[in-house]
Amino acid sequence: MSDFDPNYVFSHHSATPEKLKSYEAIHDAAKDFAQVILERVPNCADRDSVLHLLREASMLACSAISLDGRLK
């Protein structure tokens, strides 16, 4: 039996005030780290990868908050 419920995962999950604060904290930290990367890392494929992974990490963190840390 899978721990993944598509009906739960792919449904709308309203943001509570607490979740909005968490999203904002994650986005602020990601922006700060992205700025450090842009200022300190040479413009190259590795930097592009780091920025892509940072974007992905931020999105997954917000997803975990939205789903209350569960997939069903």
PDB file of N, CA and C in Angstrom:
ATOM      1  N   MET A   1       0.842  -1.187   0.000  1.00  0.00           N
ATOM      2  CA  MET A   1       0.000   0.000   0.000  1.00  0.00           C
ATOM      3  C   MET A   1       0.885   1.249   0.000  1.00  0.00           C
ATOM      4  N   SER A   2       0.543   2.190  -0.819  1.00  0.00           N
ATOM      5  CA  SER A   2       1.359   3.392  -1.001  1.00  0.00           C
ATOM      6  C   SER A   2       1.018   4.461   0.034  1.00  0.00           C
ATOM      7  N   ASP A   3       2.025   5.250   0.374  1.00  0.00           N
ATOM      8  CA  ASP A   3       1.816   6.397   1.257  1.00  0.00           C
ATOM      9  C   ASP A   3       1.526   7.658   0.461  1.00  0.00           C
ATOM     10  N   PHE A   4       1.057   7.503  -0.766  1.00  0.00           N
ATOM     11  CA  PHE A   4       0.792   8.636  -1.649  1.00  0.00           C
ATOM     12  C   PHE A   4      -0.668   8.615  -2.069  1.00  0.00           C
ATOM     13  N   ASP A   5      -1.398   9.656  -1.714  1.00  0.00           N
ATOM     14  CA  ASP A   5      -2.799   9.785  -2.103  1.00  0.00           C
ATOM     15  C   ASP A   5      -2.924  10.953  -3.072  1.00  0.00           C
ATOM     16  N   PRO A   6      -3.081  10.673  -4.373  1.00  0.00           N
ATOM     17  CA  PRO A   6      -3.169  11.749  -5.354  1.00  0.00           C
ATOM     18  C   PRO A   6      -4.311  12.722  -5.071  1.00  0.00           C
ATOM     19  N   ASN A   7      -5.411  12.226  -4.528  1.00  0.00           N
ATOM     20  CA  ASN A   7      -6.536  13.118  -4.234  1.00  0.00           C
ATOM     21  C   ASN A   7      -6.171  14.130  -3.159  1.00  0.00           C
ATOM     22  N   TYR A   8      -5.363  13.716  -2.195  1.00  0.00           N
ATOM     23  CA  TYR A   8      -4.917  14.647  -1.155  1.00  0.00           C
ATOM     24  C   TYR A   8      -3.831  15.577  -1.686  1.00  0.00           C
ATOM     25  N   VAL A   9      -2.831  15.001  -2.318  1.00  0.00           N
ATOM     26  CA  VAL A   9      -1.678  15.781  -2.768  1.00  0.00           C
ATOM     27  C   VAL A   9      -2.079  16.816  -3.810  1.00  0.00           C
ATOM     28  N   PHE A  10      -2.941  16.432  -4.742  1.00  0.00           N
ATOM     29  CA  PHE A  10      -3.290  17.317  -5.851  1.00  0.00           C
ATOM     30  C   PHE A  10      -4.625  18.025  -5.641  1.00  0.00           C
ATOM     31  N   SER A  11      -4.901  18.352  -4.402  1.00  0.00           N
ATOM     32  CA  SER A  11      -6.063  19.164  -4.048  1.00  0.00           C
ATOM     33  C   SER A  11      -5.566  20.495  -3.501  1.00  0.00           C
ATOM     34  N   HIS A  12      -6.455  21.467  -3.487  1.00  0.00           N
ATOM     35  CA  HIS A  12      -6.089  22.773  -2.941  1.00  0.00           C
ATOM     36  C   HIS A  12      -5.981  22.684  -1.421  1.00  0.00           C
ATOM     37  N   HIS A  13      -4.938  23.265  -0.879  1.00  0.00           N
ATOM     38  CA  HIS A  13      -4.730  23.327   0.564  1.00  0.00           C
ATOM     39  C   HIS A  13      -4.583  24.799   0.930  1.00  0.00           C
ATOM     40  N   SER A  14      -5.585  25.328   1.598  1.00  0.00           N
ATOM     41  CA  SER A  14      -5.580  26.752   1.948  1.00  0.00           C
ATOM     42  C   SER A  14      -4.432  27.080   2.890  1.00  0.00           C
ATOM     43  N   ALA A  15      -3.851  28.231   2.660  1.00  0.00           N
ATOM     44  CA  ALA A  15      -2.738  28.693   3.497  1.00  0.00           C
ATOM     45  C   ALA A  15      -3.292  29.368   4.745  1.00  0.00           C
ATOM     46  N   THR A  16      -2.856  28.892   5.877  1.00  0.00           N
ATOM     47  CA  THR A  16      -3.208  29.534   7.143  1.00  0.00           C
ATOM     48  C   THR A  16      -2.233  30.693   7.382  1.00  0.00           C
ATOM     49  N   PRO A  17      -2.555  31.585   8.289  1.00  0.00           N
ATOM     50  CA  PRO A  17      -1.597  32.654   8.599  1.00  0.00           C
ATOM     51  C   PRO A  17      -0.224  32.105   9.016  1.00  0.00           C
ATOM     52  N   GLU A  18      -0.210  31.008   9.765  1.00  0.00           N
ATOM     53  CA  GLU A  18       1.056  30.408  10.192  1.00  0.00           C
ATOM     54  C   GLU A  18       1.840  29.869   8.994  1.00  0.00           C
ATOM     55  N   LYS A  19       1.135  29.225   8.063  1.00  0.00           N
ATOM     56  CA  LYS A  19       1.802  28.703   6.865  1.00  0.00           C
ATOM     57  C   LYS A  19       2.356  29.845   6.021  1.00  0.00           C
ATOM     58  N   LEU A  20       1.610  30.936   5.913  1.00  0.00           N
ATOM     59  CA  LEU A  20       2.096  32.089   5.145  1.00  0.00           C
ATOM     60  C   LEU A  20       3.392  32.633   5.740  1.00  0.00           C
ATOM     61  N   LYS A  21       3.485  32.662   7.062  1.00  0.00           N
ATOM     62  CA  LYS A  21       4.722  33.106   7.715  1.00  0.00           C
ATOM     63  C   LYS A  21       5.873  32.158   7.388  1.00  0.00           C
ATOM     64  N   SER A  22       5.582  30.872   7.364  1.00  0.00           N
ATOM     65  CA  SER A  22       6.622  29.888   7.036  1.00  0.00           C
ATOM     66  C   SER A  22       7.073  30.035   5.590  1.00  0.00           C
ATOM     67  N   TYR A  23       6.121  30.207   4.671  1.00  0.00           N
ATOM     68  CA  TYR A  23       6.482  30.407   3.260  1.00  0.00           C
ATOM     69  C   TYR A  23       7.382  31.630   3.114  1.00  0.00           C
ATOM     70  N   GLU A  24       7.002  32.702   3.784  1.00  0.00           N
ATOM     71  CA  GLU A  24       7.779  33.942   3.690  1.00  0.00           C
ATOM     72  C   GLU A  24       9.195  33.746   4.231  1.00  0.00           C
ATOM     73  N   ALA A  25       9.325  33.036   5.346  1.00  0.00           N
ATOM     74  CA  ALA A  25      10.653  32.787   5.923  1.00  0.00           C
ATOM     75  C   ALA A  25      11.514  31.970   4.964  1.00  0.00           C
ATOM     76  N   ILE A  26      10.928  30.963   4.348  1.00  0.00           N
ATOM     77  CA  ILE A  26      11.664  30.139   3.380  1.00  0.00           C
ATOM     78  C   ILE A  26      12.071  30.973   2.181  1.00  0.00           C
ATOM     79  N   HIS A  27      11.145  31.762   1.653  1.00  0.00           N
ATOM     80  CA  HIS A  27      11.459  32.584   0.480  1.00  0.00           C
ATOM     81  C   HIS A  27      12.522  33.629   0.798  1.00  0.00           C
ATOM     82  N   ASP A  28      12.434  34.248   1.957  1.00  0.00           N
ATOM     83  CA  ASP A  28      13.441  35.246   2.340  1.00  0.00           C
ATOM     84  C   ASP A  28      14.827  34.612   2.449  1.00  0.00           C
ATOM     85  N   ALA A  29      14.897  33.444   3.083  1.00  0.00           N
ATOM     86  CA  ALA A  29      16.188  32.765   3.230  1.00  0.00           C
ATOM     87  C   ALA A  29      16.732  32.327   1.873  1.00  0.00           C
ATOM     88  N   ALA A  30      15.859  31.836   1.000  1.00  0.00           N
ATOM     89  CA  ALA A  30      16.292  31.411  -0.334  1.00  0.00           C
ATOM     90  C   ALA A  30      16.803  32.608  -1.141  1.00  0.00           C
ATOM     91  N   LYS A  31      16.117  33.740  -1.040  1.00  0.00           N
ATOM     92  CA  LYS A  31      16.575  34.948  -1.744  1.00  0.00           C
ATOM     93  C   LYS A  31      17.949  35.381  -1.242  1.00  0.00           C
ATOM     94  N   ASP A  32      18.124  35.352   0.071  1.00  0.00           N
ATOM     95  CA  ASP A  32      19.420  35.736   0.644  1.00  0.00           C
ATOM     96  C   ASP A  32      20.532  34.809   0.155  1.00  0.00           C
ATOM     97  N   PHE A  33      20.275  33.506   0.182  1.00  0.00           N
ATOM     98  CA  PHE A  33      21.291  32.551  -0.264  1.00  0.00           C
ATOM     99  C   PHE A  33      21.549  32.702  -1.760  1.00  0.00           C
ATOM    100  N   ALA A  34      20.499  32.918  -2.541  1.00  0.00           N
ATOM    101  CA  ALA A  34      20.671  33.121  -3.982  1.00  0.00           C
ATOM    102  C   ALA A  34      21.553  34.336  -4.249  1.00  0.00           C
ATOM    103  N   GLN A  35      21.367  35.385  -3.479  1.00  0.00           N
ATOM    104  CA  GLN A  35      22.182  36.587  -3.661  1.00  0.00           C
ATOM    105  C   GLN A  35      23.651  36.299  -3.379  1.00  0.00           C
ATOM    106  N   VAL A  36      23.932  35.521  -2.335  1.00  0.00           N
ATOM    107  CA  VAL A  36      25.316  35.131  -2.034  1.00  0.00           C
ATOM    108  C   VAL A  36      25.896  34.334  -3.198  1.00  0.00           C
ATOM    109  N   ILE A  37      25.140  33.401  -3.718  1.00  0.00           N
ATOM    110  CA  ILE A  37      25.601  32.590  -4.850  1.00  0.00           C
ATOM    111  C   ILE A  37      25.898  33.487  -6.048  1.00  0.00           C
ATOM    112  N   LEU A  38      24.988  34.404  -6.350  1.00  0.00           N
ATOM    113  CA  LEU A  38      25.187  35.293  -7.497  1.00  0.00           C
ATOM    114  C   LEU A  38      26.412  36.186  -7.323  1.00  0.00           C
ATOM    115  N   GLU A  39      26.679  36.597  -6.094  1.00  0.00           N
ATOM    116  CA  GLU A  39      27.811  37.486  -5.837  1.00  0.00           C
ATOM    117  C   GLU A  39      29.148  36.755  -5.726  1.00  0.00           C
ATOM    118  N   ARG A  40      29.153  35.512  -5.281  1.00  0.00           N
ATOM    119  CA  ARG A  40      30.399  34.831  -4.930  1.00  0.00           C
ATOM    120  C   ARG A  40      30.802  33.677  -5.836  1.00  0.00           C
ATOM    121  N   VAL A  41      29.869  33.135  -6.579  1.00  0.00           N
ATOM    122  CA  VAL A  41      30.167  31.963  -7.412  1.00  0.00           C
ATOM    123  C   VAL A  41      30.313  32.413  -8.864  1.00  0.00           C
ATOM    124  N   PRO A  42      31.351  31.952  -9.549  1.00  0.00           N
ATOM    125  CA  PRO A  42      31.530  32.334 -10.952  1.00  0.00           C
ATOM    126  C   PRO A  42      30.313  31.950 -11.800  1.00  0.00           C
ATOM    127  N   ASN A  43      30.055  32.759 -12.804  1.00  0.00           N
ATOM    128  CA  ASN A  43      28.952  32.492 -13.724  1.00  0.00           C
ATOM    129  C   ASN A  43      29.315  31.281 -14.575  1.00  0.00           C
ATOM    130  N   CYS A  44      28.754  30.133 -14.208  1.00  0.00           N
ATOM    131  CA  CYS A  44      29.084  28.884 -14.892  1.00  0.00           C
ATOM    132  C   CYS A  44      27.923  27.905 -14.731  1.00  0.00           C
ATOM    133  N   ALA A  45      28.070  26.750 -15.339  1.00  0.00           N
ATOM    134  CA  ALA A  45      27.017  25.733 -15.265  1.00  0.00           C
ATOM    135  C   ALA A  45      26.747  25.306 -13.823  1.00  0.00           C
ATOM    136  N   ASP A  46      27.800  25.223 -13.006  1.00  0.00           N
ATOM    137  CA  ASP A  46      27.597  24.839 -11.604  1.00  0.00           C
ATOM    138  C   ASP A  46      26.727  25.859 -10.873  1.00  0.00           C
ATOM    139  N   ARG A  47      26.965  27.136 -11.117  1.00  0.00           N
ATOM    140  CA  ARG A  47      26.145  28.162 -10.471  1.00  0.00           C
ATOM    141  C   ARG A  47      24.696  28.040 -10.913  1.00  0.00           C
ATOM    142  N   ASP A  48      24.488  27.799 -12.201  1.00  0.00           N
ATOM    143  CA  ASP A  48      23.123  27.600 -12.692  1.00  0.00           C
ATOM    144  C   ASP A  48      22.457  26.424 -11.990  1.00  0.00           C
ATOM    145  N   SER A  49      23.214  25.349 -11.806  1.00  0.00           N
ATOM    146  CA  SER A  49      22.673  24.168 -11.121  1.00  0.00           C
ATOM    147  C   SER A  49      22.325  24.476  -9.667  1.00  0.00           C
ATOM    148  N   VAL A  50      23.211  25.200  -8.991  1.00  0.00           N
ATOM    149  CA  VAL A  50      22.953  25.563  -7.596  1.00  0.00           C
ATOM    150  C   VAL A  50      21.669  26.381  -7.486  1.00  0.00           C
ATOM    151  N   LEU A  51      21.500  27.348  -8.361  1.00  0.00           N
ATOM    152  CA  LEU A  51      20.298  28.185  -8.312  1.00  0.00           C
ATOM    153  C   LEU A  51      19.044  27.367  -8.616  1.00  0.00           C
ATOM    154  N   HIS A  52      19.158  26.446  -9.550  1.00  0.00           N
ATOM    155  CA  HIS A  52      18.018  25.575  -9.866  1.00  0.00           C
ATOM    156  C   HIS A  52      17.670  24.700  -8.659  1.00  0.00           C
ATOM    157  N   LEU A  53      18.682  24.125  -8.017  1.00  0.00           N
ATOM    158  CA  LEU A  53      18.441  23.275  -6.852  1.00  0.00           C
ATOM    159  C   LEU A  53      17.889  24.075  -5.673  1.00  0.00           C
ATOM    160  N   LEU A  54      18.339  25.304  -5.518  1.00  0.00           N
ATOM    161  CA  LEU A  54      17.806  26.164  -4.465  1.00  0.00           C
ATOM    162  C   LEU A  54      16.324  26.433  -4.713  1.00  0.00           C
ATOM    163  N   ARG A  55      15.983  26.709  -5.960  1.00  0.00           N
ATOM    164  CA  ARG A  55      14.576  26.915  -6.319  1.00  0.00           C
ATOM    165  C   ARG A  55      13.756  25.667  -6.008  1.00  0.00           C
ATOM    166  N   GLU A  56      14.295  24.520  -6.375  1.00  0.00           N
ATOM    167  CA  GLU A  56      13.602  23.255  -6.119  1.00  0.00           C
ATOM    168  C   GLU A  56      13.454  23.007  -4.615  1.00  0.00           C
ATOM    169  N   ALA A  57      14.504  23.254  -3.858  1.00  0.00           N
ATOM    170  CA  ALA A  57      14.449  23.049  -2.408  1.00  0.00           C
ATOM    171  C   ALA A  57      13.405  23.954  -1.764  1.00  0.00           C
ATOM    172  N   SER A  58      13.353  25.199  -2.198  1.00  0.00           N
ATOM    173  CA  SER A  58      12.375  26.140  -1.669  1.00  0.00           C
ATOM    174  C   SER A  58      10.953  25.675  -1.985  1.00  0.00           C
ATOM    175  N   MET A  59      10.750  25.237  -3.210  1.00  0.00           N
ATOM    176  CA  MET A  59       9.423  24.768  -3.615  1.00  0.00           C
ATOM    177  C   MET A  59       9.007  23.522  -2.832  1.00  0.00           C
ATOM    178  N   LEU A  60       9.930  22.591  -2.645  1.00  0.00           N
ATOM    179  CA  LEU A  60       9.607  21.370  -1.900  1.00  0.00           C
ATOM    180  C   LEU A  60       9.339  21.667  -0.429  1.00  0.00           C
ATOM    181  N   ALA A  61      10.080  22.595   0.138  1.00  0.00           N
ATOM    182  CA  ALA A  61       9.840  22.972   1.531  1.00  0.00           C
ATOM    183  C   ALA A  61       8.442  23.568   1.688  1.00  0.00           C
ATOM    184  N   CYS A  62       8.069  24.440   0.771  1.00  0.00           N
ATOM    185  CA  CYS A  62       6.728  25.034   0.824  1.00  0.00           C
ATOM    186  C   CYS A  62       5.649  23.977   0.590  1.00  0.00           C
ATOM    187  N   SER A  63       5.927  23.038  -0.285  1.00  0.00           N
ATOM    188  CA  SER A  63       4.987  21.946  -0.522  1.00  0.00           C
ATOM    189  C   SER A  63       4.790  21.121   0.745  1.00  0.00           C
ATOM    190  N   ALA A  64       5.867  20.825   1.441  1.00  0.00           N
ATOM    191  CA  ALA A  64       5.764  20.060   2.686  1.00  0.00           C
ATOM    192  C   ALA A  64       4.916  20.799   3.716  1.00  0.00           C
ATOM    193  N   ILE A  65       5.067  22.107   3.767  1.00  0.00           N
ATOM    194  CA  ILE A  65       4.258  22.907   4.685  1.00  0.00           C
ATOM    195  C   ILE A  65       2.796  22.857   4.264  1.00  0.00           C
ATOM    196  N   SER A  66       2.553  23.059   2.988  1.00  0.00           N
ATOM    197  CA  SER A  66       1.187  23.046   2.471  1.00  0.00           C
ATOM    198  C   SER A  66       0.481  21.729   2.756  1.00  0.00           C
ATOM    199  N   LEU A  67       1.226  20.628   2.627  1.00  0.00           N
ATOM    200  CA  LEU A  67       0.649  19.291   2.814  1.00  0.00           C
ATOM    201  C   LEU A  67       0.760  18.801   4.259  1.00  0.00           C
ATOM    202  N   ASP A  68       1.185  19.677   5.154  1.00  0.00           N
ATOM    203  CA  ASP A  68       1.352  19.315   6.566  1.00  0.00           C
ATOM    204  C   ASP A  68       2.295  18.130   6.750  1.00  0.00           C
ATOM    205  N   GLY A  69       3.293  18.033   5.875  1.00  0.00           N
ATOM    206  CA  GLY A  69       4.311  16.999   6.008  1.00  0.00           C
ATOM    207  C   GLY A  69       3.854  15.601   5.670  1.00  0.00           C
ATOM    208  N   ARG A  70       2.749  15.479   4.960  1.00  0.00           N
ATOM    209  CA  ARG A  70       2.272  14.133   4.623  1.00  0.00           C
ATOM    210  C   ARG A  70       1.842  14.061   3.165  1.00  0.00           C
ATOM    211  N   LEU A  71       1.709  12.865   2.663  1.00  0.00           N
ATOM    212  CA  LEU A  71       1.314  12.646   1.273  1.00  0.00           C
ATOM    213  C   LEU A  71      -0.030  11.939   1.162  1.00  0.00           C
ATOM    214  N   LYS A  72      -0.683  11.749   2.309  1.00  0.00           N
ATOM    215  CA  LYS A  72      -2.041  11.186   2.264  1.00  0.00           C
ATOM    216  C   LYS A  72      -2.833  11.604   3.476  1.00  0.00           C
TER     217      LYS A  72
END
